[in-house]
């Protein structure tokens, strides 16, 4: 079940939408799975609004764990918007880190592209290769 509250934003994932767990108290944000949504606006707008509220009273540090194994073009726009929101925190002196997980070179390259756009520290972590 999906739950949204002042402290925690949680959305259960499925084969086309990612799992989202954002915790305002701990500053731990996580998006994982696949994001190949037909209507990205409907999915990501509540997340953007939740982060807007978080920006008014952030945790001492914020870590955004980006663990998407695949995402479509419309999702990329919203990921950038989320990272730009976090960049505003970073610019205010809040400790912000984006942890970018990748399983292949293409996903690593996408992380590098975002790193060039958003001036927030990135950490890159290689996911274990899945065996078929």
C-alpha atoms as a PDB file:
ATOM      1  CA  UNK A   1       0.000   0.000   0.000  1.00  0.00           C
ATOM      2  CA  UNK A   2       1.200   3.508  -0.807  1.00  0.00           C
ATOM      3  CA  UNK A   3       1.514   5.908   2.100  1.00  0.00           C
ATOM      4  CA  UNK A   4       2.245   9.600   2.167  1.00  0.00           C
ATOM      5  CA  UNK A   5       2.744  11.494   5.405  1.00  0.00           C
ATOM      6  CA  UNK A   6       4.616  14.537   6.578  1.00  0.00           C
ATOM      7  CA  UNK A   7       7.656  12.452   7.507  1.00  0.00           C
ATOM      8  CA  UNK A   8       7.718   9.565   5.041  1.00  0.00           C
ATOM      9  CA  UNK A   9       6.821   9.248   1.390  1.00  0.00           C
ATOM     10  CA  UNK A  10       6.498   5.607   0.387  1.00  0.00           C
ATOM     11  CA  UNK A  11       5.295   4.229  -2.936  1.00  0.00           C
ATOM     12  CA  UNK A  12       5.398   0.520  -3.655  1.00  0.00           C
ATOM     13  CA  UNK A  13       6.925  -0.353  -6.998  1.00  0.00           C
ATOM     14  CA  UNK A  14       5.901  -2.800  -9.683  1.00  0.00           C
ATOM     15  CA  UNK A  15       7.246  -3.800 -13.109  1.00  0.00           C
ATOM     16  CA  UNK A  16       6.833  -0.295 -14.550  1.00  0.00           C
ATOM     17  CA  UNK A  17       7.078   2.033 -11.555  1.00  0.00           C
ATOM     18  CA  UNK A  18       9.850   2.314  -9.008  1.00  0.00           C
ATOM     19  CA  UNK A  19       9.745   1.846  -5.280  1.00  0.00           C
ATOM     20  CA  UNK A  20      10.101   5.196  -3.546  1.00  0.00           C
ATOM     21  CA  UNK A  21      10.994   5.638   0.111  1.00  0.00           C
ATOM     22  CA  UNK A  22      11.840   9.164   1.251  1.00  0.00           C
ATOM     23  CA  UNK A  23      12.291   9.800   4.975  1.00  0.00           C
ATOM     24  CA  UNK A  24      12.393  13.425   6.089  1.00  0.00           C
ATOM     25  CA  UNK A  25      13.684  12.612   9.586  1.00  0.00           C
ATOM     26  CA  UNK A  26      16.699  10.606   8.435  1.00  0.00           C
ATOM     27  CA  UNK A  27      17.288  12.428   5.145  1.00  0.00           C
ATOM     28  CA  UNK A  28      17.464   9.061   3.373  1.00  0.00           C
ATOM     29  CA  UNK A  29      15.817   9.062  -0.058  1.00  0.00           C
ATOM     30  CA  UNK A  30      15.651   5.975  -2.277  1.00  0.00           C
ATOM     31  CA  UNK A  31      14.214   5.305  -5.719  1.00  0.00           C
ATOM     32  CA  UNK A  32      14.746   1.736  -6.946  1.00  0.00           C
ATOM     33  CA  UNK A  33      13.571  -0.585  -9.696  1.00  0.00           C
ATOM     34  CA  UNK A  34      12.308   0.432 -13.121  1.00  0.00           C
ATOM     35  CA  UNK A  35      10.597   3.641 -14.195  1.00  0.00           C
ATOM     36  CA  UNK A  36       8.878   3.142 -17.528  1.00  0.00           C
ATOM     37  CA  UNK A  37       5.654   4.952 -16.784  1.00  0.00           C
ATOM     38  CA  UNK A  38       2.974   5.906 -19.284  1.00  0.00           C
ATOM     39  CA  UNK A  39       2.161   9.002 -17.218  1.00  0.00           C
ATOM     40  CA  UNK A  40       5.324  10.210 -15.500  1.00  0.00           C
ATOM     41  CA  UNK A  41       3.738  13.502 -14.494  1.00  0.00           C
ATOM     42  CA  UNK A  42       1.084  11.809 -12.354  1.00  0.00           C
ATOM     43  CA  UNK A  43       3.705   9.657 -10.620  1.00  0.00           C
ATOM     44  CA  UNK A  44       6.481  12.214 -10.067  1.00  0.00           C
ATOM     45  CA  UNK A  45       4.547  15.418  -9.302  1.00  0.00           C
ATOM     46  CA  UNK A  46       3.602  14.295  -5.738  1.00  0.00           C
ATOM     47  CA  UNK A  47       7.269  13.403  -5.169  1.00  0.00           C
ATOM     48  CA  UNK A  48       8.384  16.845  -6.366  1.00  0.00           C
ATOM     49  CA  UNK A  49       5.818  18.489  -4.049  1.00  0.00           C
ATOM     50  CA  UNK A  50       6.927  16.339  -1.109  1.00  0.00           C
ATOM     51  CA  UNK A  51      10.543  17.408  -1.663  1.00  0.00           C
ATOM     52  CA  UNK A  52       9.440  21.058  -1.894  1.00  0.00           C
ATOM     53  CA  UNK A  53       8.020  20.669   1.630  1.00  0.00           C
ATOM     54  CA  UNK A  54      11.179  18.871   2.774  1.00  0.00           C
ATOM     55  CA  UNK A  55      13.324  21.789   1.589  1.00  0.00           C
ATOM     56  CA  UNK A  56      11.763  23.987   4.299  1.00  0.00           C
ATOM     57  CA  UNK A  57      12.893  21.694   7.110  1.00  0.00           C
ATOM     58  CA  UNK A  58      15.579  19.269   5.882  1.00  0.00           C
ATOM     59  CA  UNK A  59      17.554  16.762   7.904  1.00  0.00           C
ATOM     60  CA  UNK A  60      21.169  17.637   8.754  1.00  0.00           C
ATOM     61  CA  UNK A  61      22.264  15.613   5.748  1.00  0.00           C
ATOM     62  CA  UNK A  62      20.456  14.134   2.778  1.00  0.00           C
ATOM     63  CA  UNK A  63      21.406  11.055   0.766  1.00  0.00           C
ATOM     64  CA  UNK A  64      19.549  10.302  -2.447  1.00  0.00           C
ATOM     65  CA  UNK A  65      20.039   6.651  -3.427  1.00  0.00           C
ATOM     66  CA  UNK A  66      19.219   6.342  -7.115  1.00  0.00           C
ATOM     67  CA  UNK A  67      18.948   2.605  -7.797  1.00  0.00           C
ATOM     68  CA  UNK A  68      16.992   2.508 -11.034  1.00  0.00           C
ATOM     69  CA  UNK A  69      18.032  -0.338 -13.284  1.00  0.00           C
ATOM     70  CA  UNK A  70      16.264   1.364 -16.189  1.00  0.00           C
ATOM     71  CA  UNK A  71      14.232   4.528 -16.802  1.00  0.00           C
ATOM     72  CA  UNK A  72      12.619   6.126 -19.828  1.00  0.00           C
ATOM     73  CA  UNK A  73      13.111   9.621 -21.226  1.00  0.00           C
ATOM     74  CA  UNK A  74      10.112  11.140 -19.458  1.00  0.00           C
ATOM     75  CA  UNK A  75      11.461   9.862 -16.130  1.00  0.00           C
ATOM     76  CA  UNK A  76      14.851  11.476 -16.754  1.00  0.00           C
ATOM     77  CA  UNK A  77      13.240  14.930 -16.664  1.00  0.00           C
ATOM     78  CA  UNK A  78      11.856  14.285 -13.184  1.00  0.00           C
ATOM     79  CA  UNK A  79      15.069  12.761 -11.881  1.00  0.00           C
ATOM     80  CA  UNK A  80      16.864  15.921 -12.948  1.00  0.00           C
ATOM     81  CA  UNK A  81      14.232  18.035 -11.232  1.00  0.00           C
ATOM     82  CA  UNK A  82      14.654  16.050  -7.997  1.00  0.00           C
ATOM     83  CA  UNK A  83      18.434  16.454  -8.168  1.00  0.00           C
ATOM     84  CA  UNK A  84      18.064  20.182  -8.807  1.00  0.00           C
ATOM     85  CA  UNK A  85      15.857  20.447  -5.726  1.00  0.00           C
ATOM     86  CA  UNK A  86      18.603  18.729  -3.729  1.00  0.00           C
ATOM     87  CA  UNK A  87      21.138  21.096  -5.280  1.00  0.00           C
ATOM     88  CA  UNK A  88      19.274  24.033  -3.704  1.00  0.00           C
ATOM     89  CA  UNK A  89      19.837  22.392  -0.303  1.00  0.00           C
ATOM     90  CA  UNK A  90      23.497  21.849  -1.104  1.00  0.00           C
ATOM     91  CA  UNK A  91      23.833  25.513  -2.106  1.00  0.00           C
ATOM     92  CA  UNK A  92      22.454  26.453   1.336  1.00  0.00           C
ATOM     93  CA  UNK A  93      25.212  24.460   3.051  1.00  0.00           C
ATOM     94  CA  UNK A  94      23.298  21.240   3.743  1.00  0.00           C
ATOM     95  CA  UNK A  95      25.328  18.050   3.338  1.00  0.00           C
ATOM     96  CA  UNK A  96      23.819  16.363   0.260  1.00  0.00           C
ATOM     97  CA  UNK A  97      25.065  13.264  -1.560  1.00  0.00           C
ATOM     98  CA  UNK A  98      23.629  11.468  -4.564  1.00  0.00           C
ATOM     99  CA  UNK A  99      24.495   7.778  -4.542  1.00  0.00           C
ATOM    100  CA  UNK A 100      24.160   6.500  -8.110  1.00  0.00           C
ATOM    101  CA  UNK A 101      23.910   2.738  -8.502  1.00  0.00           C
ATOM    102  CA  UNK A 102      24.628   1.225 -11.891  1.00  0.00           C
ATOM    103  CA  UNK A 103      24.767  -2.253 -13.356  1.00  0.00           C
ATOM    104  CA  UNK A 104      26.158  -1.392 -16.771  1.00  0.00           C
ATOM    105  CA  UNK A 105      28.194   1.228 -18.575  1.00  0.00           C
ATOM    106  CA  UNK A 106      25.109   2.993 -19.983  1.00  0.00           C
ATOM    107  CA  UNK A 107      23.680   3.637 -16.519  1.00  0.00           C
ATOM    108  CA  UNK A 108      27.081   4.749 -15.285  1.00  0.00           C
ATOM    109  CA  UNK A 109      27.312   7.200 -18.206  1.00  0.00           C
ATOM    110  CA  UNK A 110      23.870   8.590 -17.363  1.00  0.00           C
ATOM    111  CA  UNK A 111      25.035   9.185 -13.801  1.00  0.00           C
ATOM    112  CA  UNK A 112      28.110  10.977 -15.112  1.00  0.00           C
ATOM    113  CA  UNK A 113      25.860  13.157 -17.280  1.00  0.00           C
ATOM    114  CA  UNK A 114      23.744  14.147 -14.270  1.00  0.00           C
ATOM    115  CA  UNK A 115      26.898  14.786 -12.268  1.00  0.00           C
ATOM    116  CA  UNK A 116      27.974  17.342 -14.894  1.00  0.00           C
ATOM    117  CA  UNK A 117      24.626  19.156 -14.660  1.00  0.00           C
ATOM    118  CA  UNK A 118      23.989  19.117 -10.903  1.00  0.00           C
ATOM    119  CA  UNK A 119      26.649  20.464  -8.581  1.00  0.00           C
ATOM    120  CA  UNK A 120      26.116  17.960  -5.769  1.00  0.00           C
ATOM    121  CA  UNK A 121      28.640  15.303  -4.721  1.00  0.00           C
ATOM    122  CA  UNK A 122      28.012  11.942  -6.379  1.00  0.00           C
ATOM    123  CA  UNK A 123      29.089   8.496  -5.267  1.00  0.00           C
ATOM    124  CA  UNK A 124      28.988   5.688  -7.800  1.00  0.00           C
ATOM    125  CA  UNK A 125      28.319   2.123  -6.733  1.00  0.00           C
ATOM    126  CA  UNK A 126      28.319  -0.843  -9.067  1.00  0.00           C
ATOM    127  CA  UNK A 127      25.473  -3.263  -8.536  1.00  0.00           C
ATOM    128  CA  UNK A 128      26.303  -6.964  -8.643  1.00  0.00           C
ATOM    129  CA  UNK A 129      25.695  -8.563 -12.013  1.00  0.00           C
ATOM    130  CA  UNK A 130      22.578 -10.714 -12.027  1.00  0.00           C
ATOM    131  CA  UNK A 131      22.960 -14.254 -13.324  1.00  0.00           C
ATOM    132  CA  UNK A 132      20.319 -15.595 -15.685  1.00  0.00           C
END
